[in-house]
Amino acid sequence: MNRVILIKYGENSNKNPSIYNILNYNISLSPASNPGYAFSHWEADNGKFSSTTMSSTTYTMGDGPTTVYAHFKIKTYNINT
């Protein structure tokens, strides 16, 4: 059975296809990017990650379709005058 993962929020790494047809339940994810933002964590409708806070991680599919979300936080800078 094929599974499909769609990565939302942020720009997918060019090392990751935009859609996965999964024959194996374990996939490796490379960092997604979002200009002006820093990666925060991964989230999915089902399944599990080897780490939700590392930008490169392994994701194990649960049963049924899922959406994988890459969450970001805005980058902030301190300016000393």
C-alpha atoms as a PDB file:
ATOM      1  CA  MET A   1       0.000   0.000   0.000  1.00  0.00           C
ATOM      2  CA  ASN A   2       1.334   3.453  -0.887  1.00  0.00           C
ATOM      3  CA  ARG A   3       1.293   6.278   1.636  1.00  0.00           C
ATOM      4  CA  VAL A   4       1.520   9.962   0.736  1.00  0.00           C
ATOM      5  CA  ILE A   5       3.128  12.652   2.902  1.00  0.00           C
ATOM      6  CA  LEU A   6       2.680  16.334   2.109  1.00  0.00           C
ATOM      7  CA  ILE A   7       4.998  18.813   3.846  1.00  0.00           C
ATOM      8  CA  LYS A   8       3.298  22.118   4.697  1.00  0.00           C
ATOM      9  CA  TYR A   9       4.541  25.432   6.129  1.00  0.00           C
ATOM     10  CA  GLY A  10       7.950  26.439   4.893  1.00  0.00           C
ATOM     11  CA  GLU A  11       9.913  25.496   1.853  1.00  0.00           C
ATOM     12  CA  ASN A  12      10.715  21.829   1.463  1.00  0.00           C
ATOM     13  CA  SER A  13      14.400  20.953   1.205  1.00  0.00           C
ATOM     14  CA  ASN A  14      15.422  20.156  -2.358  1.00  0.00           C
ATOM     15  CA  LYS A  15      16.673  16.854  -0.903  1.00  0.00           C
ATOM     16  CA  ASN A  16      13.053  15.921  -0.118  1.00  0.00           C
ATOM     17  CA  PRO A  17      10.473  15.290  -2.826  1.00  0.00           C
ATOM     18  CA  SER A  18       7.327  17.380  -2.406  1.00  0.00           C
ATOM     19  CA  ILE A  19       5.177  14.247  -2.127  1.00  0.00           C
ATOM     20  CA  TYR A  20       6.264  10.797  -0.967  1.00  0.00           C
ATOM     21  CA  ASN A  21       4.698   7.556  -2.112  1.00  0.00           C
ATOM     22  CA  ILE A  22       5.654   5.372   0.804  1.00  0.00           C
ATOM     23  CA  LEU A  23       6.337   1.696   0.358  1.00  0.00           C
ATOM     24  CA  ASN A  24       8.495   1.653   3.501  1.00  0.00           C
ATOM     25  CA  TYR A  25       7.045   3.151   6.671  1.00  0.00           C
ATOM     26  CA  ASN A  26      10.358   4.840   7.648  1.00  0.00           C
ATOM     27  CA  ILE A  27      11.563   7.923   5.792  1.00  0.00           C
ATOM     28  CA  SER A  28      14.395  10.382   6.407  1.00  0.00           C
ATOM     29  CA  LEU A  29      13.521  14.079   6.324  1.00  0.00           C
ATOM     30  CA  SER A  30      16.085  16.778   5.546  1.00  0.00           C
ATOM     31  CA  PRO A  31      15.639  20.272   6.950  1.00  0.00           C
ATOM     32  CA  ALA A  32      12.864  22.390   5.516  1.00  0.00           C
ATOM     33  CA  SER A  33      13.511  26.141   5.292  1.00  0.00           C
ATOM     34  CA  ASN A  34      11.497  29.314   5.645  1.00  0.00           C
ATOM     35  CA  PRO A  35      13.410  32.595   5.032  1.00  0.00           C
ATOM     36  CA  GLY A  36      13.392  34.858   8.107  1.00  0.00           C
ATOM     37  CA  TYR A  37      12.393  31.982  10.367  1.00  0.00           C
ATOM     38  CA  ALA A  38      14.259  29.325  12.346  1.00  0.00           C
ATOM     39  CA  PHE A  39      13.129  25.695  12.393  1.00  0.00           C
ATOM     40  CA  SER A  40      11.226  24.870  15.592  1.00  0.00           C
ATOM     41  CA  HIS A  41       9.822  21.324  15.357  1.00  0.00           C
ATOM     42  CA  TRP A  42       8.085  18.670  13.262  1.00  0.00           C
ATOM     43  CA  GLU A  43       4.478  17.560  13.782  1.00  0.00           C
ATOM     44  CA  ALA A  44       2.309  14.938  12.039  1.00  0.00           C
ATOM     45  CA  ASP A  45      -1.293  13.758  12.121  1.00  0.00           C
ATOM     46  CA  ASN A  46      -0.120  10.257  13.048  1.00  0.00           C
ATOM     47  CA  GLY A  47       3.112   8.271  13.233  1.00  0.00           C
ATOM     48  CA  LYS A  48       6.254   9.290  15.102  1.00  0.00           C
ATOM     49  CA  PHE A  49       9.608  11.017  14.634  1.00  0.00           C
ATOM     50  CA  SER A  50      12.994   9.922  15.952  1.00  0.00           C
ATOM     51  CA  SER A  51      13.217  13.574  17.099  1.00  0.00           C
ATOM     52  CA  THR A  52      10.632  16.305  16.658  1.00  0.00           C
ATOM     53  CA  THR A  53      13.130  19.094  17.415  1.00  0.00           C
ATOM     54  CA  MET A  54      16.003  18.121  15.092  1.00  0.00           C
ATOM     55  CA  SER A  55      15.632  19.545  11.581  1.00  0.00           C
ATOM     56  CA  SER A  56      16.915  16.273  10.067  1.00  0.00           C
ATOM     57  CA  THR A  57      14.972  13.318  11.416  1.00  0.00           C
ATOM     58  CA  THR A  58      13.428   9.956  10.629  1.00  0.00           C
ATOM     59  CA  TYR A  59       9.657   9.681  10.450  1.00  0.00           C
ATOM     60  CA  THR A  60       7.757   6.404  10.902  1.00  0.00           C
ATOM     61  CA  MET A  61       4.331   6.356   9.267  1.00  0.00           C
ATOM     62  CA  GLY A  62       1.219   5.476  11.223  1.00  0.00           C
ATOM     63  CA  ASP A  63      -1.860   3.946   9.619  1.00  0.00           C
ATOM     64  CA  GLY A  64      -3.578   5.982   6.931  1.00  0.00           C
ATOM     65  CA  PRO A  65      -2.684   9.229   5.180  1.00  0.00           C
ATOM     66  CA  THR A  66      -0.799  11.872   7.115  1.00  0.00           C
ATOM     67  CA  THR A  67       0.373  15.442   6.770  1.00  0.00           C
ATOM     68  CA  VAL A  68       3.803  16.399   8.095  1.00  0.00           C
ATOM     69  CA  TYR A  69       4.206  19.950   9.385  1.00  0.00           C
ATOM     70  CA  ALA A  70       7.520  21.775   9.761  1.00  0.00           C
ATOM     71  CA  HIS A  71       6.998  24.519  12.369  1.00  0.00           C
ATOM     72  CA  PHE A  72       9.110  27.665  12.463  1.00  0.00           C
ATOM     73  CA  LYS A  73       9.624  30.624  14.771  1.00  0.00           C
ATOM     74  CA  ILE A  74      10.557  34.092  13.603  1.00  0.00           C
ATOM     75  CA  LYS A  75      14.263  34.923  13.849  1.00  0.00           C
ATOM     76  CA  THR A  76      15.026  37.759  16.226  1.00  0.00           C
ATOM     77  CA  TYR A  77      18.179  39.825  16.460  1.00  0.00           C
ATOM     78  CA  ASN A  78      19.615  41.980  19.229  1.00  0.00           C
ATOM     79  CA  ILE A  79      20.933  45.320  18.055  1.00  0.00           C
ATOM     80  CA  ASN A  80      23.378  47.071  20.340  1.00  0.00           C
ATOM     81  CA  THR A  81      23.780  50.792  19.850  1.00  0.00           C
END
